[in-house]
Amino acid sequence: MERRLAAGAQIIAPIESTYWWAGEIQHSNEWLLLMTTTTERFEDLARCVRELHSYEVPQIIASALVAGTADYLEWIRRETAPRSGG
């Protein structure tokens, strides 16, 4: 959040995950992190998640925001705008 790569975030935890890794089915408890950002900031946010995440290949996906109120969309743009010096 300090880097202003996302306007907000929600953590949903714990969740049970089942997935293939290293040729085997894995089961683990994980935390789902949903972050709100702009298309322009997505790559910077993804790079930050990779840098901080413990997984070799963390799940980083984008879901399209197809509609939103004008004030909410403006809030996302304003809060994720790059700051001078940062």
PDB file of N, CA and C in Angstrom:
ATOM      1  N   MET A   1       0.826  -1.184   0.000  1.00  0.00           N
ATOM      2  CA  MET A   1       0.000   0.000   0.000  1.00  0.00           C
ATOM      3  C   MET A   1       0.876   1.256   0.000  1.00  0.00           C
ATOM      4  N   GLU A   2       1.997   1.217   0.706  1.00  0.00           N
ATOM      5  CA  GLU A   2       2.855   2.402   0.773  1.00  0.00           C
ATOM      6  C   GLU A   2       3.362   2.831  -0.595  1.00  0.00           C
ATOM      7  N   ARG A   3       3.535   1.872  -1.505  1.00  0.00           N
ATOM      8  CA  ARG A   3       4.034   2.188  -2.845  1.00  0.00           C
ATOM      9  C   ARG A   3       2.935   2.738  -3.764  1.00  0.00           C
ATOM     10  N   ARG A   4       1.695   2.763  -3.280  1.00  0.00           N
ATOM     11  CA  ARG A   4       0.534   3.253  -4.040  1.00  0.00           C
ATOM     12  C   ARG A   4       0.334   2.491  -5.348  1.00  0.00           C
ATOM     13  N   LEU A   5       0.627   1.200  -5.312  1.00  0.00           N
ATOM     14  CA  LEU A   5       0.394   0.361  -6.473  1.00  0.00           C
ATOM     15  C   LEU A   5      -1.046  -0.150  -6.495  1.00  0.00           C
ATOM     16  N   ALA A   6      -1.710  -0.072  -5.365  1.00  0.00           N
ATOM     17  CA  ALA A   6      -3.116  -0.458  -5.256  1.00  0.00           C
ATOM     18  C   ALA A   6      -3.833   0.595  -4.423  1.00  0.00           C
ATOM     19  N   ALA A   7      -5.082   0.843  -4.777  1.00  0.00           N
ATOM     20  CA  ALA A   7      -5.892   1.798  -4.021  1.00  0.00           C
ATOM     21  C   ALA A   7      -6.445   1.154  -2.756  1.00  0.00           C
ATOM     22  N   GLY A   8      -6.627  -0.148  -2.787  1.00  0.00           N
ATOM     23  CA  GLY A   8      -7.155  -0.866  -1.636  1.00  0.00           C
ATOM     24  C   GLY A   8      -6.887  -2.346  -1.779  1.00  0.00           C
ATOM     25  N   ALA A   9      -7.106  -3.069  -0.684  1.00  0.00           N
ATOM     26  CA  ALA A   9      -6.875  -4.514  -0.692  1.00  0.00           C
ATOM     27  C   ALA A   9      -7.795  -5.187   0.305  1.00  0.00           C
ATOM     28  N   GLN A  10      -8.170  -6.412  -0.008  1.00  0.00           N
ATOM     29  CA  GLN A  10      -8.942  -7.246   0.910  1.00  0.00           C
ATOM     30  C   GLN A  10      -8.221  -8.578   1.042  1.00  0.00           C
ATOM     31  N   ILE A  11      -8.171  -9.081   2.267  1.00  0.00           N
ATOM     32  CA  ILE A  11      -7.556 -10.382   2.524  1.00  0.00           C
ATOM     33  C   ILE A  11      -8.660 -11.339   2.959  1.00  0.00           C
ATOM     34  N   ILE A  12      -8.739 -12.461   2.259  1.00  0.00           N
ATOM     35  CA  ILE A  12      -9.712 -13.493   2.580  1.00  0.00           C
ATOM     36  C   ILE A  12      -8.911 -14.698   3.049  1.00  0.00           C
ATOM     37  N   ALA A  13      -9.131 -15.116   4.303  1.00  0.00           N
ATOM     38  CA  ALA A  13      -8.294 -16.178   4.838  1.00  0.00           C
ATOM     39  C   ALA A  13      -9.016 -16.933   5.939  1.00  0.00           C
ATOM     40  N   PRO A  14      -8.600 -18.131   6.245  1.00  0.00           N
ATOM     41  CA  PRO A  14      -7.785 -18.957   5.353  1.00  0.00           C
ATOM     42  C   PRO A  14      -8.677 -19.612   4.305  1.00  0.00           C
ATOM     43  N   ILE A  15      -8.072 -19.972   3.197  1.00  0.00           N
ATOM     44  CA  ILE A  15      -8.766 -20.743   2.167  1.00  0.00           C
ATOM     45  C   ILE A  15      -7.977 -22.020   1.935  1.00  0.00           C
ATOM     46  N   GLU A  16      -8.661 -23.073   1.535  1.00  0.00           N
ATOM     47  CA  GLU A  16      -7.992 -24.332   1.204  1.00  0.00           C
ATOM     48  C   GLU A  16      -7.726 -24.352  -0.284  1.00  0.00           C
ATOM     49  N   SER A  17      -6.499 -24.598  -0.649  1.00  0.00           N
ATOM     50  CA  SER A  17      -6.117 -24.646  -2.062  1.00  0.00           C
ATOM     51  C   SER A  17      -5.628 -26.038  -2.430  1.00  0.00           C
ATOM     52  N   THR A  18      -5.979 -26.451  -3.631  1.00  0.00           N
ATOM     53  CA  THR A  18      -5.481 -27.694  -4.213  1.00  0.00           C
ATOM     54  C   THR A  18      -4.948 -27.343  -5.590  1.00  0.00           C
ATOM     55  N   TYR A  19      -3.722 -27.759  -5.889  1.00  0.00           N
ATOM     56  CA  TYR A  19      -3.096 -27.367  -7.143  1.00  0.00           C
ATOM     57  C   TYR A  19      -1.951 -28.321  -7.478  1.00  0.00           C
ATOM     58  N   TRP A  20      -1.598 -28.329  -8.754  1.00  0.00           N
ATOM     59  CA  TRP A  20      -0.445 -29.090  -9.206  1.00  0.00           C
ATOM     60  C   TRP A  20       0.814 -28.259  -8.992  1.00  0.00           C
ATOM     61  N   TRP A  21       1.854 -28.861  -8.410  1.00  0.00           N
ATOM     62  CA  TRP A  21       3.160 -28.222  -8.291  1.00  0.00           C
ATOM     63  C   TRP A  21       4.223 -29.309  -8.254  1.00  0.00           C
ATOM     64  N   ALA A  22       5.243 -29.144  -9.055  1.00  0.00           N
ATOM     65  CA  ALA A  22       6.373 -30.082  -9.113  1.00  0.00           C
ATOM     66  C   ALA A  22       5.897 -31.505  -9.406  1.00  0.00           C
ATOM     67  N   GLY A  23       4.882 -31.617 -10.272  1.00  0.00           N
ATOM     68  CA  GLY A  23       4.410 -32.925 -10.686  1.00  0.00           C
ATOM     69  C   GLY A  23       3.519 -33.635  -9.696  1.00  0.00           C
ATOM     70  N   GLU A  24       3.130 -32.966  -8.629  1.00  0.00           N
ATOM     71  CA  GLU A  24       2.289 -33.585  -7.606  1.00  0.00           C
ATOM     72  C   GLU A  24       1.128 -32.671  -7.254  1.00  0.00           C
ATOM     73  N   ILE A  25       0.046 -33.279  -6.783  1.00  0.00           N
ATOM     74  CA  ILE A  25      -1.074 -32.492  -6.285  1.00  0.00           C
ATOM     75  C   ILE A  25      -0.733 -32.022  -4.883  1.00  0.00           C
ATOM     76  N   GLN A  26      -0.872 -30.734  -4.674  1.00  0.00           N
ATOM     77  CA  GLN A  26      -0.570 -30.119  -3.378  1.00  0.00           C
ATOM     78  C   GLN A  26      -1.868 -29.642  -2.722  1.00  0.00           C
ATOM     79  N   HIS A  27      -1.890 -29.643  -1.406  1.00  0.00           N
ATOM     80  CA  HIS A  27      -3.004 -29.106  -0.619  1.00  0.00           C
ATOM     81  C   HIS A  27      -2.388 -28.162   0.407  1.00  0.00           C
ATOM     82  N   SER A  28      -2.915 -26.960   0.496  1.00  0.00           N
ATOM     83  CA  SER A  28      -2.376 -26.043   1.497  1.00  0.00           C
ATOM     84  C   SER A  28      -3.416 -25.003   1.879  1.00  0.00           C
ATOM     85  N   ASN A  29      -3.197 -24.418   3.043  1.00  0.00           N
ATOM     86  CA  ASN A  29      -4.000 -23.280   3.465  1.00  0.00           C
ATOM     87  C   ASN A  29      -3.302 -22.026   2.959  1.00  0.00           C
ATOM     88  N   GLU A  30      -4.073 -21.142   2.344  1.00  0.00           N
ATOM     89  CA  GLU A  30      -3.516 -19.929   1.776  1.00  0.00           C
ATOM     90  C   GLU A  30      -4.410 -18.748   2.135  1.00  0.00           C
ATOM     91  N   TRP A  31      -3.953 -17.581   1.764  1.00  0.00           N
ATOM     92  CA  TRP A  31      -4.711 -16.353   1.956  1.00  0.00           C
ATOM     93  C   TRP A  31      -4.906 -15.726   0.592  1.00  0.00           C
ATOM     94  N   LEU A  32      -6.142 -15.344   0.300  1.00  0.00           N
ATOM     95  CA  LEU A  32      -6.467 -14.715  -0.978  1.00  0.00           C
ATOM     96  C   LEU A  32      -6.405 -13.205  -0.787  1.00  0.00           C
ATOM     97  N   LEU A  33      -5.592 -12.558  -1.591  1.00  0.00           N
ATOM     98  CA  LEU A  33      -5.425 -11.109  -1.532  1.00  0.00           C
ATOM     99  C   LEU A  33      -5.971 -10.507  -2.811  1.00  0.00           C
ATOM    100  N   LEU A  34      -6.989  -9.684  -2.681  1.00  0.00           N
ATOM    101  CA  LEU A  34      -7.567  -8.970  -3.815  1.00  0.00           C
ATOM    102  C   LEU A  34      -7.113  -7.522  -3.728  1.00  0.00           C
ATOM    103  N   MET A  35      -6.538  -7.012  -4.797  1.00  0.00           N
ATOM    104  CA  MET A  35      -6.034  -5.642  -4.793  1.00  0.00           C
ATOM    105  C   MET A  35      -6.647  -4.874  -5.956  1.00  0.00           C
ATOM    106  N   THR A  36      -6.996  -3.622  -5.705  1.00  0.00           N
ATOM    107  CA  THR A  36      -7.622  -2.765  -6.702  1.00  0.00           C
ATOM    108  C   THR A  36      -6.592  -1.800  -7.251  1.00  0.00           C
ATOM    109  N   THR A  37      -6.374  -1.873  -8.567  1.00  0.00           N
ATOM    110  CA  THR A  37      -5.409  -1.000  -9.217  1.00  0.00           C
ATOM    111  C   THR A  37      -5.896  -0.669 -10.619  1.00  0.00           C
ATOM    112  N   THR A  38      -5.098   0.061 -11.348  1.00  0.00           N
ATOM    113  CA  THR A  38      -5.422   0.398 -12.732  1.00  0.00           C
ATOM    114  C   THR A  38      -4.633  -0.506 -13.672  1.00  0.00           C
ATOM    115  N   THR A  39      -5.062  -0.546 -14.915  1.00  0.00           N
ATOM    116  CA  THR A  39      -4.336  -1.309 -15.924  1.00  0.00           C
ATOM    117  C   THR A  39      -2.895  -0.812 -16.017  1.00  0.00           C
ATOM    118  N   GLU A  40      -2.725   0.490 -15.944  1.00  0.00           N
ATOM    119  CA  GLU A  40      -1.386   1.092 -16.066  1.00  0.00           C
ATOM    120  C   GLU A  40      -0.460   0.688 -14.926  1.00  0.00           C
ATOM    121  N   ARG A  41      -1.000   0.402 -13.746  1.00  0.00           N
ATOM    122  CA  ARG A  41      -0.174   0.057 -12.579  1.00  0.00           C
ATOM    123  C   ARG A  41      -0.046  -1.446 -12.354  1.00  0.00           C
ATOM    124  N   PHE A  42      -0.759  -2.254 -13.169  1.00  0.00           N
ATOM    125  CA  PHE A  42      -0.765  -3.694 -12.944  1.00  0.00           C
ATOM    126  C   PHE A  42       0.632  -4.305 -12.952  1.00  0.00           C
ATOM    127  N   GLU A  43       1.437  -4.008 -13.953  1.00  0.00           N
ATOM    128  CA  GLU A  43       2.760  -4.633 -14.038  1.00  0.00           C
ATOM    129  C   GLU A  43       3.636  -4.261 -12.844  1.00  0.00           C
ATOM    130  N   ASP A  44       3.561  -3.017 -12.393  1.00  0.00           N
ATOM    131  CA  ASP A  44       4.328  -2.615 -11.210  1.00  0.00           C
ATOM    132  C   ASP A  44       3.840  -3.366  -9.973  1.00  0.00           C
ATOM    133  N   LEU A  45       2.521  -3.515  -9.847  1.00  0.00           N
ATOM    134  CA  LEU A  45       1.960  -4.259  -8.715  1.00  0.00           C
ATOM    135  C   LEU A  45       2.379  -5.722  -8.781  1.00  0.00           C
ATOM    136  N   ALA A  46       2.309  -6.331  -9.967  1.00  0.00           N
ATOM    137  CA  ALA A  46       2.714  -7.733 -10.126  1.00  0.00           C
ATOM    138  C   ALA A  46       4.185  -7.918  -9.761  1.00  0.00           C
ATOM    139  N   ARG A  47       5.031  -6.999 -10.183  1.00  0.00           N
ATOM    140  CA  ARG A  47       6.458  -7.065  -9.864  1.00  0.00           C
ATOM    141  C   ARG A  47       6.667  -6.997  -8.345  1.00  0.00           C
ATOM    142  N   CYS A  48       5.931  -6.143  -7.676  1.00  0.00           N
ATOM    143  CA  CYS A  48       6.033  -6.008  -6.225  1.00  0.00           C
ATOM    144  C   CYS A  48       5.580  -7.288  -5.520  1.00  0.00           C
ATOM    145  N   VAL A  49       4.470  -7.869  -5.975  1.00  0.00           N
ATOM    146  CA  VAL A  49       3.991  -9.117  -5.373  1.00  0.00           C
ATOM    147  C   VAL A  49       5.040 -10.205  -5.538  1.00  0.00           C
ATOM    148  N   ARG A  50       5.602 -10.340  -6.733  1.00  0.00           N
ATOM    149  CA  ARG A  50       6.653 -11.351  -6.960  1.00  0.00           C
ATOM    150  C   ARG A  50       7.845 -11.124  -6.021  1.00  0.00           C
ATOM    151  N   GLU A  51       8.211  -9.879  -5.831  1.00  0.00           N
ATOM    152  CA  GLU A  51       9.346  -9.526  -4.979  1.00  0.00           C
ATOM    153  C   GLU A  51       9.105  -9.922  -3.521  1.00  0.00           C
ATOM    154  N   LEU A  52       7.871  -9.770  -3.046  1.00  0.00           N
ATOM    155  CA  LEU A  52       7.562  -9.992  -1.635  1.00  0.00           C
ATOM    156  C   LEU A  52       7.011 -11.382  -1.319  1.00  0.00           C
ATOM    157  N   HIS A  53       6.514 -12.092  -2.323  1.00  0.00           N
ATOM    158  CA  HIS A  53       5.828 -13.367  -2.095  1.00  0.00           C
ATOM    159  C   HIS A  53       6.822 -14.494  -1.893  1.00  0.00           C
ATOM    160  N   SER A  54       6.441 -15.456  -1.064  1.00  0.00           N
ATOM    161  CA  SER A  54       7.321 -16.600  -0.800  1.00  0.00           C
ATOM    162  C   SER A  54       7.237 -17.671  -1.886  1.00  0.00           C
ATOM    163  N   TYR A  55       6.182 -17.680  -2.695  1.00  0.00           N
ATOM    164  CA  TYR A  55       6.045 -18.695  -3.741  1.00  0.00           C
ATOM    165  C   TYR A  55       6.924 -18.370  -4.938  1.00  0.00           C
ATOM    166  N   GLU A  56       7.407 -19.414  -5.586  1.00  0.00           N
ATOM    167  CA  GLU A  56       8.178 -19.243  -6.812  1.00  0.00           C
ATOM    168  C   GLU A  56       7.301 -18.691  -7.942  1.00  0.00           C
ATOM    169  N   VAL A  57       6.044 -19.168  -7.980  1.00  0.00           N
ATOM    170  CA  VAL A  57       5.083 -18.706  -8.996  1.00  0.00           C
ATOM    171  C   VAL A  57       3.766 -18.358  -8.291  1.00  0.00           C
ATOM    172  N   PRO A  58       3.674 -17.173  -7.719  1.00  0.00           N
ATOM    173  CA  PRO A  58       2.415 -16.798  -7.068  1.00  0.00           C
ATOM    174  C   PRO A  58       1.322 -16.553  -8.109  1.00  0.00           C
ATOM    175  N   GLN A  59       0.083 -16.774  -7.710  1.00  0.00           N
ATOM    176  CA  GLN A  59      -1.043 -16.497  -8.606  1.00  0.00           C
ATOM    177  C   GLN A  59      -1.259 -14.997  -8.659  1.00  0.00           C
ATOM    178  N   ILE A  60      -0.977 -14.414  -9.810  1.00  0.00           N
ATOM    179  CA  ILE A  60      -1.188 -12.985 -10.030  1.00  0.00           C
ATOM    180  C   ILE A  60      -2.011 -12.873 -11.301  1.00  0.00           C
ATOM    181  N   ILE A  61      -3.268 -12.488 -11.155  1.00  0.00           N
ATOM    182  CA  ILE A  61      -4.166 -12.382 -12.293  1.00  0.00           C
ATOM    183  C   ILE A  61      -4.909 -11.053 -12.218  1.00  0.00           C
ATOM    184  N   ALA A  62      -5.433 -10.637 -13.339  1.00  0.00           N
ATOM    185  CA  ALA A  62      -6.238  -9.418 -13.400  1.00  0.00           C
ATOM    186  C   ALA A  62      -7.648  -9.779 -13.839  1.00  0.00           C
ATOM    187  N   SER A  63      -8.614  -9.220 -13.159  1.00  0.00           N
ATOM    188  CA  SER A  63     -10.013  -9.335 -13.557  1.00  0.00           C
ATOM    189  C   SER A  63     -10.463  -7.960 -14.007  1.00  0.00           C
ATOM    190  N   ALA A  64     -11.136  -7.914 -15.134  1.00  0.00           N
ATOM    191  CA  ALA A  64     -11.578  -6.629 -15.672  1.00  0.00           C
ATOM    192  C   ALA A  64     -12.665  -6.023 -14.808  1.00  0.00           C
ATOM    193  N   LEU A  65     -12.528  -4.752 -14.565  1.00  0.00           N
ATOM    194  CA  LEU A  65     -13.574  -3.974 -13.914  1.00  0.00           C
ATOM    195  C   LEU A  65     -14.379  -3.373 -15.069  1.00  0.00           C
ATOM    196  N   VAL A  66     -15.549  -3.920 -15.335  1.00  0.00           N
ATOM    197  CA  VAL A  66     -16.301  -3.506 -16.519  1.00  0.00           C
ATOM    198  C   VAL A  66     -17.163  -2.279 -16.279  1.00  0.00           C
ATOM    199  N   ALA A  67     -17.454  -1.983 -15.031  1.00  0.00           N
ATOM    200  CA  ALA A  67     -18.250  -0.792 -14.722  1.00  0.00           C
ATOM    201  C   ALA A  67     -18.027  -0.422 -13.269  1.00  0.00           C
ATOM    202  N   GLY A  68     -18.198   0.848 -12.992  1.00  0.00           N
ATOM    203  CA  GLY A  68     -18.090   1.343 -11.631  1.00  0.00           C
ATOM    204  C   GLY A  68     -18.596   2.774 -11.583  1.00  0.00           C
ATOM    205  N   THR A  69     -18.913   3.231 -10.405  1.00  0.00           N
ATOM    206  CA  THR A  69     -19.362   4.618 -10.294  1.00  0.00           C
ATOM    207  C   THR A  69     -18.194   5.547 -10.597  1.00  0.00           C
ATOM    208  N   ALA A  70     -18.498   6.693 -11.136  1.00  0.00           N
ATOM    209  CA  ALA A  70     -17.452   7.649 -11.530  1.00  0.00           C
ATOM    210  C   ALA A  70     -16.565   8.017 -10.354  1.00  0.00           C
ATOM    211  N   ASP A  71     -17.152   8.235  -9.179  1.00  0.00           N
ATOM    212  CA  ASP A  71     -16.338   8.635  -8.029  1.00  0.00           C
ATOM    213  C   ASP A  71     -15.423   7.509  -7.554  1.00  0.00           C
ATOM    214  N   TYR A  72     -15.891   6.260  -7.624  1.00  0.00           N
ATOM    215  CA  TYR A  72     -15.052   5.130  -7.231  1.00  0.00           C
ATOM    216  C   TYR A  72     -13.892   4.958  -8.207  1.00  0.00           C
ATOM    217  N   LEU A  73     -14.175   5.017  -9.505  1.00  0.00           N
ATOM    218  CA  LEU A  73     -13.118   4.877 -10.502  1.00  0.00           C
ATOM    219  C   LEU A  73     -12.096   6.001 -10.389  1.00  0.00           C
ATOM    220  N   GLU A  74     -12.558   7.202 -10.097  1.00  0.00           N
ATOM    221  CA  GLU A  74     -11.632   8.332  -9.902  1.00  0.00           C
ATOM    222  C   GLU A  74     -10.771   8.103  -8.663  1.00  0.00           C
ATOM    223  N   TRP A  75     -11.348   7.573  -7.609  1.00  0.00           N
ATOM    224  CA  TRP A  75     -10.590   7.270  -6.382  1.00  0.00           C
ATOM    225  C   TRP A  75      -9.462   6.283  -6.704  1.00  0.00           C
ATOM    226  N   ILE A  76      -9.752   5.238  -7.489  1.00  0.00           N
ATOM    227  CA  ILE A  76      -8.709   4.267  -7.859  1.00  0.00           C
ATOM    228  C   ILE A  76      -7.596   4.974  -8.624  1.00  0.00           C
ATOM    229  N   ARG A  77      -7.957   5.783  -9.614  1.00  0.00           N
ATOM    230  CA  ARG A  77      -6.943   6.500 -10.405  1.00  0.00           C
ATOM    231  C   ARG A  77      -6.114   7.434  -9.519  1.00  0.00           C
ATOM    232  N   ARG A  78      -6.782   8.159  -8.656  1.00  0.00           N
ATOM    233  CA  ARG A  78      -6.089   9.134  -7.797  1.00  0.00           C
ATOM    234  C   ARG A  78      -5.129   8.439  -6.825  1.00  0.00           C
ATOM    235  N   GLU A  79      -5.584   7.363  -6.207  1.00  0.00           N
ATOM    236  CA  GLU A  79      -4.777   6.709  -5.169  1.00  0.00           C
ATOM    237  C   GLU A  79      -3.651   5.857  -5.719  1.00  0.00           C
ATOM    238  N   THR A  80      -3.702   5.521  -7.001  1.00  0.00           N
ATOM    239  CA  THR A  80      -2.624   4.731  -7.596  1.00  0.00           C
ATOM    240  C   THR A  80      -1.728   5.549  -8.510  1.00  0.00           C
ATOM    241  N   ALA A  81      -1.994   6.834  -8.603  1.00  0.00           N
ATOM    242  CA  ALA A  81      -1.150   7.699  -9.456  1.00  0.00           C
ATOM    243  C   ALA A  81       0.256   7.746  -8.881  1.00  0.00           C
ATOM    244  N   PRO A  82       1.270   7.554  -9.724  1.00  0.00           N
ATOM    245  CA  PRO A  82       2.647   7.631  -9.226  1.00  0.00           C
ATOM    246  C   PRO A  82       2.909   8.980  -8.566  1.00  0.00           C
ATOM    247  N   ARG A  83       3.587   8.943  -7.455  1.00  0.00           N
ATOM    248  CA  ARG A  83       3.928  10.165  -6.717  1.00  0.00           C
ATOM    249  C   ARG A  83       5.330  10.584  -7.104  1.00  0.00           C
ATOM    250  N   SER A  84       5.590  11.852  -7.118  1.00  0.00           N
ATOM    251  CA  SER A  84       6.951  12.316  -7.403  1.00  0.00           C
ATOM    252  C   SER A  84       7.884  11.824  -6.302  1.00  0.00           C
ATOM    253  N   GLY A  85       9.012  11.265  -6.734  1.00  0.00           N
ATOM    254  CA  GLY A  85       9.972  10.723  -5.785  1.00  0.00           C
ATOM    255  C   GLY A  85       9.623   9.317  -5.345  1.00  0.00           C
ATOM    256  N   GLY A  86       8.565   8.704  -5.879  1.00  0.00           N
ATOM    257  CA  GLY A  86       8.188   7.384  -5.433  1.00  0.00           C
ATOM    258  C   GLY A  86       7.670   6.614  -6.527  1.00  0.00           C
TER     259      GLY A  86
END
